[in-house]
Amino acid sequence: MIEVRGLIKAYGGRAVLKGLDLEVGVGETLTLVGPNGAGKTTLMNIIATLSKPNGGRMRVAGHDPTVDPAAVRRRLGMVSHRTLLYDDLSGIQNLDFYARMYDLRDRRRRAEELLRQVGLWGRHYDPVSTYSRGMQQRLAIARALLHDPPVLLLDEPDTGLDHHSAATLDHLLQQAGATRRTVLMTTHNLDRAAAWGDRVAILAGGRIVFQTERANASVDELRKHYDRFVSQG
């Protein structure tokens, strides 16, 4: 569902991604960890068509993001540590705005369904500026699911989450597996990485340097590999 081969990205002559290879199968959740500056967000932005690579090739849900970005956008939802919501609009107005962009039918019904799912229906008319950080992230999750995409990109979605929002994210990931939705997620939290992904991968030095199945990834074992590869540069 997501295939990346030899991906290269540089900024001002400084290479961030150095021939990165990555694959996430249908219905699989891959959790990606790495230090600040490792290129996690750069990778996510390229897959999401928000940035262009300097080299390499990709396929996302059967499409090349560099050739047909619109087709890729229709097939993925994204949640990042920046919610990218409109603070002056209410929760339901935010969802209605994005539903129009996706040309969804029965927008009101879909927005209400998702707001109830993430526990925000009681605040659906309130401006997003009055929401807590966790509530805003829950609304961002609802927005990412509006068009029922087969691929989800979650870039540090657990940053600043309260207990309710973390539980919502847990539920989302469980549903993703049940519905065969493909998920690529980044996090700084090794405990969550070990718990959430079907596979866990470490990004360091512009490449994937280590991968393991979740069943083989105790937190202590993952931390040992993380410390070893990150200390190498």
C-alpha atoms as a PDB file:
ATOM      1  CA  MET A   1       0.000   0.000   0.000  1.00  0.00           C
ATOM      2  CA  ILE A   2       2.983   2.289   0.737  1.00  0.00           C
ATOM      3  CA  GLU A   3       6.211   1.545  -1.113  1.00  0.00           C
ATOM      4  CA  VAL A   4       9.259   3.812  -0.958  1.00  0.00           C
ATOM      5  CA  ARG A   5      12.513   3.003  -2.726  1.00  0.00           C
ATOM      6  CA  GLY A   6      15.775   4.954  -2.618  1.00  0.00           C
ATOM      7  CA  LEU A   7      14.127   8.144  -1.368  1.00  0.00           C
ATOM      8  CA  ILE A   8      16.408  11.178  -1.226  1.00  0.00           C
ATOM      9  CA  LYS A   9      15.629  14.611   0.183  1.00  0.00           C
ATOM     10  CA  ALA A  10      18.067  17.457   0.778  1.00  0.00           C
ATOM     11  CA  TYR A  11      17.692  21.006   2.048  1.00  0.00           C
ATOM     12  CA  GLY A  12      20.341  23.515   1.023  1.00  0.00           C
ATOM     13  CA  GLY A  13      22.806  20.794   0.169  1.00  0.00           C
ATOM     14  CA  ARG A  14      22.194  18.905   3.429  1.00  0.00           C
ATOM     15  CA  ALA A  15      20.794  15.426   2.862  1.00  0.00           C
ATOM     16  CA  VAL A  16      18.014  14.462   5.272  1.00  0.00           C
ATOM     17  CA  LEU A  17      16.859  11.249   3.596  1.00  0.00           C
ATOM     18  CA  LYS A  18      19.661   9.225   2.009  1.00  0.00           C
ATOM     19  CA  GLY A  19      18.223   6.491  -0.148  1.00  0.00           C
ATOM     20  CA  LEU A  20      15.477   5.425   2.266  1.00  0.00           C
ATOM     21  CA  ASP A  21      13.567   2.178   1.609  1.00  0.00           C
ATOM     22  CA  LEU A  22      10.229   1.502   3.298  1.00  0.00           C
ATOM     23  CA  GLU A  23       7.188  -0.684   2.741  1.00  0.00           C
ATOM     24  CA  VAL A  24       3.864  -0.908   4.587  1.00  0.00           C
ATOM     25  CA  GLY A  25       1.411  -3.570   3.491  1.00  0.00           C
ATOM     26  CA  VAL A  26      -2.369  -3.471   3.265  1.00  0.00           C
ATOM     27  CA  GLY A  27      -3.902  -3.394   6.741  1.00  0.00           C
ATOM     28  CA  GLU A  28      -0.519  -3.071   8.430  1.00  0.00           C
ATOM     29  CA  THR A  29       0.555  -0.502  11.016  1.00  0.00           C
ATOM     30  CA  LEU A  30       4.217   0.488  10.923  1.00  0.00           C
ATOM     31  CA  THR A  31       5.479   2.703  13.734  1.00  0.00           C
ATOM     32  CA  LEU A  32       8.561   4.758  12.940  1.00  0.00           C
ATOM     33  CA  VAL A  33      10.852   6.118  15.662  1.00  0.00           C
ATOM     34  CA  GLY A  34      13.975   8.237  15.471  1.00  0.00           C
ATOM     35  CA  PRO A  35      15.673  11.267  17.031  1.00  0.00           C
ATOM     36  CA  ASN A  36      14.770  14.876  16.258  1.00  0.00           C
ATOM     37  CA  GLY A  37      16.032  15.782  12.810  1.00  0.00           C
ATOM     38  CA  ALA A  38      16.093  12.164  11.618  1.00  0.00           C
ATOM     39  CA  GLY A  39      13.672  12.991   8.794  1.00  0.00           C
ATOM     40  CA  LYS A  40      10.433  11.452  10.074  1.00  0.00           C
ATOM     41  CA  THR A  41       8.272  14.474   9.304  1.00  0.00           C
ATOM     42  CA  THR A  42      10.107  15.025   6.009  1.00  0.00           C
ATOM     43  CA  LEU A  43       9.230  11.488   4.971  1.00  0.00           C
ATOM     44  CA  MET A  44       5.584  11.916   5.975  1.00  0.00           C
ATOM     45  CA  ASN A  45       5.287  15.201   4.103  1.00  0.00           C
ATOM     46  CA  ILE A  46       6.700  13.647   0.935  1.00  0.00           C
ATOM     47  CA  ILE A  47       4.303  10.696   1.105  1.00  0.00           C
ATOM     48  CA  ALA A  48       1.441  13.138   1.730  1.00  0.00           C
ATOM     49  CA  THR A  49       2.458  15.168  -1.378  1.00  0.00           C
ATOM     50  CA  LEU A  50       3.275  18.233   0.749  1.00  0.00           C
ATOM     51  CA  SER A  51       6.933  18.123  -0.324  1.00  0.00           C
ATOM     52  CA  LYS A  52       8.822  16.739  -3.317  1.00  0.00           C
ATOM     53  CA  PRO A  53      11.798  14.378  -3.078  1.00  0.00           C
ATOM     54  CA  ASN A  54      15.107  14.914  -4.837  1.00  0.00           C
ATOM     55  CA  GLY A  55      15.288  11.277  -5.883  1.00  0.00           C
ATOM     56  CA  GLY A  56      13.803   7.830  -5.489  1.00  0.00           C
ATOM     57  CA  ARG A  57      10.370   6.434  -6.288  1.00  0.00           C
ATOM     58  CA  MET A  58       7.120   5.842  -4.414  1.00  0.00           C
ATOM     59  CA  ARG A  59       3.727   4.219  -4.694  1.00  0.00           C
ATOM     60  CA  VAL A  60       0.880   5.058  -2.326  1.00  0.00           C
ATOM     61  CA  ALA A  61      -2.391   3.144  -2.763  1.00  0.00           C
ATOM     62  CA  GLY A  62      -1.288   2.328  -6.282  1.00  0.00           C
ATOM     63  CA  HIS A  63      -0.340   5.878  -7.302  1.00  0.00           C
ATOM     64  CA  ASP A  64       2.899   7.840  -7.589  1.00  0.00           C
ATOM     65  CA  PRO A  65       2.651  10.984  -5.413  1.00  0.00           C
ATOM     66  CA  THR A  66       5.020  12.875  -7.729  1.00  0.00           C
ATOM     67  CA  VAL A  67       2.961  12.056 -10.832  1.00  0.00           C
ATOM     68  CA  ASP A  68      -0.644  12.102  -9.564  1.00  0.00           C
ATOM     69  CA  PRO A  69      -0.701  13.856  -6.170  1.00  0.00           C
ATOM     70  CA  ALA A  70      -4.470  14.437  -6.314  1.00  0.00           C
ATOM     71  CA  ALA A  71      -5.133  10.692  -6.540  1.00  0.00           C
ATOM     72  CA  VAL A  72      -2.911  10.086  -3.510  1.00  0.00           C
ATOM     73  CA  ARG A  73      -4.592  12.833  -1.459  1.00  0.00           C
ATOM     74  CA  ARG A  74      -8.000  11.292  -2.094  1.00  0.00           C
ATOM     75  CA  ARG A  75      -6.761   8.022  -0.646  1.00  0.00           C
ATOM     76  CA  LEU A  76      -5.028   9.147   2.522  1.00  0.00           C
ATOM     77  CA  GLY A  77      -5.771  10.969   5.730  1.00  0.00           C
ATOM     78  CA  MET A  78      -3.138  12.699   7.825  1.00  0.00           C
ATOM     79  CA  VAL A  79      -2.833  13.650  11.474  1.00  0.00           C
ATOM     80  CA  SER A  80       0.233  15.516  12.706  1.00  0.00           C
ATOM     81  CA  HIS A  81       1.413  17.184  15.899  1.00  0.00           C
ATOM     82  CA  ARG A  82       0.121  20.406  14.276  1.00  0.00           C
ATOM     83  CA  THR A  83      -3.651  20.065  14.062  1.00  0.00           C
ATOM     84  CA  LEU A  84      -4.072  22.447  11.073  1.00  0.00           C
ATOM     85  CA  LEU A  85      -7.602  23.302  12.189  1.00  0.00           C
ATOM     86  CA  TYR A  86      -9.400  26.625  11.824  1.00  0.00           C
ATOM     87  CA  ASP A  87      -9.591  28.068  15.337  1.00  0.00           C
ATOM     88  CA  ASP A  88     -12.448  30.494  14.604  1.00  0.00           C
ATOM     89  CA  LEU A  89     -14.695  27.765  13.217  1.00  0.00           C
ATOM     90  CA  SER A  90     -16.610  25.288  15.327  1.00  0.00           C
ATOM     91  CA  GLY A  91     -15.813  21.596  15.318  1.00  0.00           C
ATOM     92  CA  ILE A  92     -18.620  20.745  12.932  1.00  0.00           C
ATOM     93  CA  GLN A  93     -17.774  23.703  10.673  1.00  0.00           C
ATOM     94  CA  ASN A  94     -14.197  22.445  10.399  1.00  0.00           C
ATOM     95  CA  LEU A  95     -15.400  19.010   9.347  1.00  0.00           C
ATOM     96  CA  ASP A  96     -17.944  20.476   6.933  1.00  0.00           C
ATOM     97  CA  PHE A  97     -15.218  22.595   5.282  1.00  0.00           C
ATOM     98  CA  TYR A  98     -13.012  19.569   4.657  1.00  0.00           C
ATOM     99  CA  ALA A  99     -15.970  17.413   3.620  1.00  0.00           C
ATOM    100  CA  ARG A 100     -16.719  19.959   0.886  1.00  0.00           C
ATOM    101  CA  MET A 101     -13.118  19.704  -0.305  1.00  0.00           C
ATOM    102  CA  TYR A 102     -13.592  15.938  -0.650  1.00  0.00           C
ATOM    103  CA  ASP A 103     -17.001  16.465  -2.275  1.00  0.00           C
ATOM    104  CA  LEU A 104     -18.646  14.135   0.226  1.00  0.00           C
ATOM    105  CA  ARG A 105     -22.340  13.395   0.116  1.00  0.00           C
ATOM    106  CA  ASP A 106     -24.405  13.729   3.283  1.00  0.00           C
ATOM    107  CA  ARG A 107     -21.691  15.811   4.943  1.00  0.00           C
ATOM    108  CA  ARG A 108     -23.700  16.565   8.078  1.00  0.00           C
ATOM    109  CA  ARG A 109     -24.378  12.900   8.819  1.00  0.00           C
ATOM    110  CA  ARG A 110     -20.716  11.951   8.353  1.00  0.00           C
ATOM    111  CA  ALA A 111     -19.489  14.854  10.500  1.00  0.00           C
ATOM    112  CA  GLU A 112     -21.916  13.999  13.295  1.00  0.00           C
ATOM    113  CA  GLU A 113     -20.935  10.319  13.161  1.00  0.00           C
ATOM    114  CA  LEU A 114     -17.240  11.122  13.565  1.00  0.00           C
ATOM    115  CA  LEU A 115     -17.738  13.789  16.240  1.00  0.00           C
ATOM    116  CA  ARG A 116     -19.658  11.265  18.312  1.00  0.00           C
ATOM    117  CA  GLN A 117     -16.974   8.655  17.654  1.00  0.00           C
ATOM    118  CA  VAL A 118     -14.203  10.909  19.025  1.00  0.00           C
ATOM    119  CA  GLY A 119     -16.338  12.173  21.921  1.00  0.00           C
ATOM    120  CA  LEU A 120     -16.813  15.761  20.752  1.00  0.00           C
ATOM    121  CA  TRP A 121     -20.475  15.930  19.830  1.00  0.00           C
ATOM    122  CA  GLY A 122     -21.269  17.840  23.024  1.00  0.00           C
ATOM    123  CA  ARG A 123     -18.887  20.606  21.878  1.00  0.00           C
ATOM    124  CA  HIS A 124     -19.627  20.524  18.144  1.00  0.00           C
ATOM    125  CA  TYR A 125     -20.868  24.144  17.976  1.00  0.00           C
ATOM    126  CA  ASP A 126     -17.997  25.582  20.064  1.00  0.00           C
ATOM    127  CA  PRO A 127     -15.060  27.354  18.380  1.00  0.00           C
ATOM    128  CA  VAL A 128     -11.978  25.170  18.118  1.00  0.00           C
ATOM    129  CA  SER A 129     -10.046  27.913  19.927  1.00  0.00           C
ATOM    130  CA  THR A 130     -11.909  26.866  23.103  1.00  0.00           C
ATOM    131  CA  TYR A 131     -10.857  23.213  22.778  1.00  0.00           C
ATOM    132  CA  SER A 132      -8.047  21.690  24.805  1.00  0.00           C
ATOM    133  CA  ARG A 133      -5.005  20.322  22.994  1.00  0.00           C
ATOM    134  CA  GLY A 134      -6.343  16.784  23.312  1.00  0.00           C
ATOM    135  CA  MET A 135      -9.765  17.777  21.981  1.00  0.00           C
ATOM    136  CA  GLN A 136      -8.188  19.490  18.984  1.00  0.00           C
ATOM    137  CA  GLN A 137      -6.186  16.364  18.229  1.00  0.00           C
ATOM    138  CA  ARG A 138      -9.334  14.254  18.440  1.00  0.00           C
ATOM    139  CA  LEU A 139     -10.987  16.604  15.946  1.00  0.00           C
ATOM    140  CA  ALA A 140      -7.962  16.278  13.670  1.00  0.00           C
ATOM    141  CA  ILE A 141      -8.382  12.485  13.829  1.00  0.00           C
ATOM    142  CA  ALA A 142     -12.039  12.874  12.838  1.00  0.00           C
ATOM    143  CA  ARG A 143     -11.025  15.093   9.915  1.00  0.00           C
ATOM    144  CA  ALA A 144      -8.477  12.521   8.720  1.00  0.00           C
ATOM    145  CA  LEU A 145     -11.192   9.833   8.645  1.00  0.00           C
ATOM    146  CA  LEU A 146     -13.868  11.934   6.909  1.00  0.00           C
ATOM    147  CA  HIS A 147     -13.434  10.398   3.440  1.00  0.00           C
ATOM    148  CA  ASP A 148     -12.717   6.899   4.794  1.00  0.00           C
ATOM    149  CA  PRO A 149      -9.189   6.714   3.339  1.00  0.00           C
ATOM    150  CA  PRO A 150      -7.382   3.380   2.929  1.00  0.00           C
ATOM    151  CA  VAL A 151      -4.107   4.956   4.133  1.00  0.00           C
ATOM    152  CA  LEU A 152      -3.482   6.949   7.327  1.00  0.00           C
ATOM    153  CA  LEU A 153      -0.350   8.969   8.085  1.00  0.00           C
ATOM    154  CA  LEU A 154       0.027   9.813  11.771  1.00  0.00           C
ATOM    155  CA  ASP A 155       2.976  12.124  12.427  1.00  0.00           C
ATOM    156  CA  GLU A 156       3.559  12.215  16.195  1.00  0.00           C
ATOM    157  CA  PRO A 157      -0.202  12.171  16.822  1.00  0.00           C
ATOM    158  CA  ASP A 158       0.344  11.375  20.511  1.00  0.00           C
ATOM    159  CA  THR A 159       2.070  14.706  21.279  1.00  0.00           C
ATOM    160  CA  GLY A 160       0.337  16.356  24.238  1.00  0.00           C
ATOM    161  CA  LEU A 161      -2.586  13.945  24.334  1.00  0.00           C
ATOM    162  CA  ASP A 162      -4.777  13.664  27.407  1.00  0.00           C
ATOM    163  CA  HIS A 163      -6.029  10.275  28.601  1.00  0.00           C
ATOM    164  CA  HIS A 164      -9.284  10.466  26.603  1.00  0.00           C
ATOM    165  CA  SER A 165      -7.472  11.438  23.413  1.00  0.00           C
ATOM    166  CA  ALA A 166      -4.869   8.694  23.831  1.00  0.00           C
ATOM    167  CA  ALA A 167      -7.711   6.193  24.255  1.00  0.00           C
ATOM    168  CA  THR A 168      -9.322   7.556  21.074  1.00  0.00           C
ATOM    169  CA  LEU A 169      -6.055   7.051  19.221  1.00  0.00           C
ATOM    170  CA  ASP A 170      -5.780   3.494  20.593  1.00  0.00           C
ATOM    171  CA  HIS A 171      -9.301   2.785  19.342  1.00  0.00           C
ATOM    172  CA  LEU A 172      -8.491   4.286  15.931  1.00  0.00           C
ATOM    173  CA  LEU A 173      -5.491   1.993  15.522  1.00  0.00           C
ATOM    174  CA  GLN A 174      -7.532  -1.038  16.560  1.00  0.00           C
ATOM    175  CA  GLN A 175     -10.189  -0.117  14.004  1.00  0.00           C
ATOM    176  CA  ALA A 176      -7.553   0.394  11.338  1.00  0.00           C
ATOM    177  CA  GLY A 177      -6.407  -3.182  11.736  1.00  0.00           C
ATOM    178  CA  ALA A 178      -9.981  -4.474  11.664  1.00  0.00           C
ATOM    179  CA  THR A 179     -10.828  -2.541   8.483  1.00  0.00           C
ATOM    180  CA  ARG A 180      -7.564  -3.340   6.659  1.00  0.00           C
ATOM    181  CA  ARG A 181      -6.533   0.320   6.718  1.00  0.00           C
ATOM    182  CA  THR A 182      -2.803   0.910   6.262  1.00  0.00           C
ATOM    183  CA  VAL A 183      -1.166   3.118   8.897  1.00  0.00           C
ATOM    184  CA  LEU A 184       2.278   4.732   8.977  1.00  0.00           C
ATOM    185  CA  MET A 185       2.896   6.477  12.298  1.00  0.00           C
ATOM    186  CA  THR A 186       5.830   8.328  13.832  1.00  0.00           C
ATOM    187  CA  THR A 187       6.349   8.801  17.554  1.00  0.00           C
ATOM    188  CA  HIS A 188       9.053   9.696  20.075  1.00  0.00           C
ATOM    189  CA  ASN A 189       7.497   7.352  22.619  1.00  0.00           C
ATOM    190  CA  LEU A 190       9.182   3.933  22.497  1.00  0.00           C
ATOM    191  CA  ASP A 191       6.577   2.412  24.810  1.00  0.00           C
ATOM    192  CA  ARG A 192       3.798   3.390  22.425  1.00  0.00           C
ATOM    193  CA  ALA A 193       5.845   2.331  19.414  1.00  0.00           C
ATOM    194  CA  ALA A 194       6.214  -1.161  20.854  1.00  0.00           C
ATOM    195  CA  ALA A 195       2.506  -1.327  21.711  1.00  0.00           C
ATOM    196  CA  TRP A 196       0.938   0.228  18.601  1.00  0.00           C
ATOM    197  CA  GLY A 197       2.704  -1.050  15.514  1.00  0.00           C
ATOM    198  CA  ASP A 198       2.547  -4.417  13.783  1.00  0.00           C
ATOM    199  CA  ARG A 199       6.153  -3.539  12.986  1.00  0.00           C
ATOM    200  CA  VAL A 200       8.522  -0.985  14.479  1.00  0.00           C
ATOM    201  CA  ALA A 201      11.293   0.701  12.453  1.00  0.00           C
ATOM    202  CA  ILE A 202      14.112   3.024  13.487  1.00  0.00           C
ATOM    203  CA  LEU A 203      15.056   5.935  11.211  1.00  0.00           C
ATOM    204  CA  ALA A 204      18.582   7.276  11.723  1.00  0.00           C
ATOM    205  CA  GLY A 205      21.160   8.803   9.434  1.00  0.00           C
ATOM    206  CA  GLY A 206      18.592   9.248   6.681  1.00  0.00           C
ATOM    207  CA  ARG A 207      17.800   5.532   6.374  1.00  0.00           C
ATOM    208  CA  ILE A 208      15.793   2.773   8.019  1.00  0.00           C
ATOM    209  CA  VAL A 209      18.455   1.078  10.136  1.00  0.00           C
ATOM    210  CA  PHE A 210      16.393  -1.447  12.075  1.00  0.00           C
ATOM    211  CA  GLN A 211      13.006  -3.168  11.829  1.00  0.00           C
ATOM    212  CA  THR A 212      11.256  -5.761  13.945  1.00  0.00           C
ATOM    213  CA  GLU A 213       7.850  -7.355  14.376  1.00  0.00           C
ATOM    214  CA  ARG A 214       5.934  -6.044  17.377  1.00  0.00           C
ATOM    215  CA  ALA A 215       5.897  -9.525  18.887  1.00  0.00           C
ATOM    216  CA  ASN A 216       9.688  -9.369  19.018  1.00  0.00           C
ATOM    217  CA  ALA A 217       9.922  -5.772  20.267  1.00  0.00           C
ATOM    218  CA  SER A 218       9.913  -5.448  24.015  1.00  0.00           C
ATOM    219  CA  VAL A 219      10.445  -1.871  25.098  1.00  0.00           C
ATOM    220  CA  ASP A 220      13.841  -2.707  26.616  1.00  0.00           C
ATOM    221  CA  GLU A 221      14.989  -4.463  23.443  1.00  0.00           C
ATOM    222  CA  LEU A 222      13.739  -1.625  21.255  1.00  0.00           C
ATOM    223  CA  ARG A 223      15.474   0.954  23.452  1.00  0.00           C
ATOM    224  CA  LYS A 224      18.742  -0.983  23.215  1.00  0.00           C
ATOM    225  CA  HIS A 225      18.647  -0.930  19.413  1.00  0.00           C
ATOM    226  CA  TYR A 226      17.484   2.690  19.378  1.00  0.00           C
ATOM    227  CA  ASP A 227      20.349   3.842  21.595  1.00  0.00           C
ATOM    228  CA  ARG A 228      22.875   1.884  19.535  1.00  0.00           C
ATOM    229  CA  PHE A 229      21.833   3.212  16.134  1.00  0.00           C
ATOM    230  CA  VAL A 230      21.190   6.780  17.265  1.00  0.00           C
ATOM    231  CA  SER A 231      24.548   6.994  19.018  1.00  0.00           C
ATOM    232  CA  GLN A 232      26.195   5.930  15.747  1.00  0.00           C
ATOM    233  CA  GLY A 233      24.853   9.004  14.076  1.00  0.00           C
END
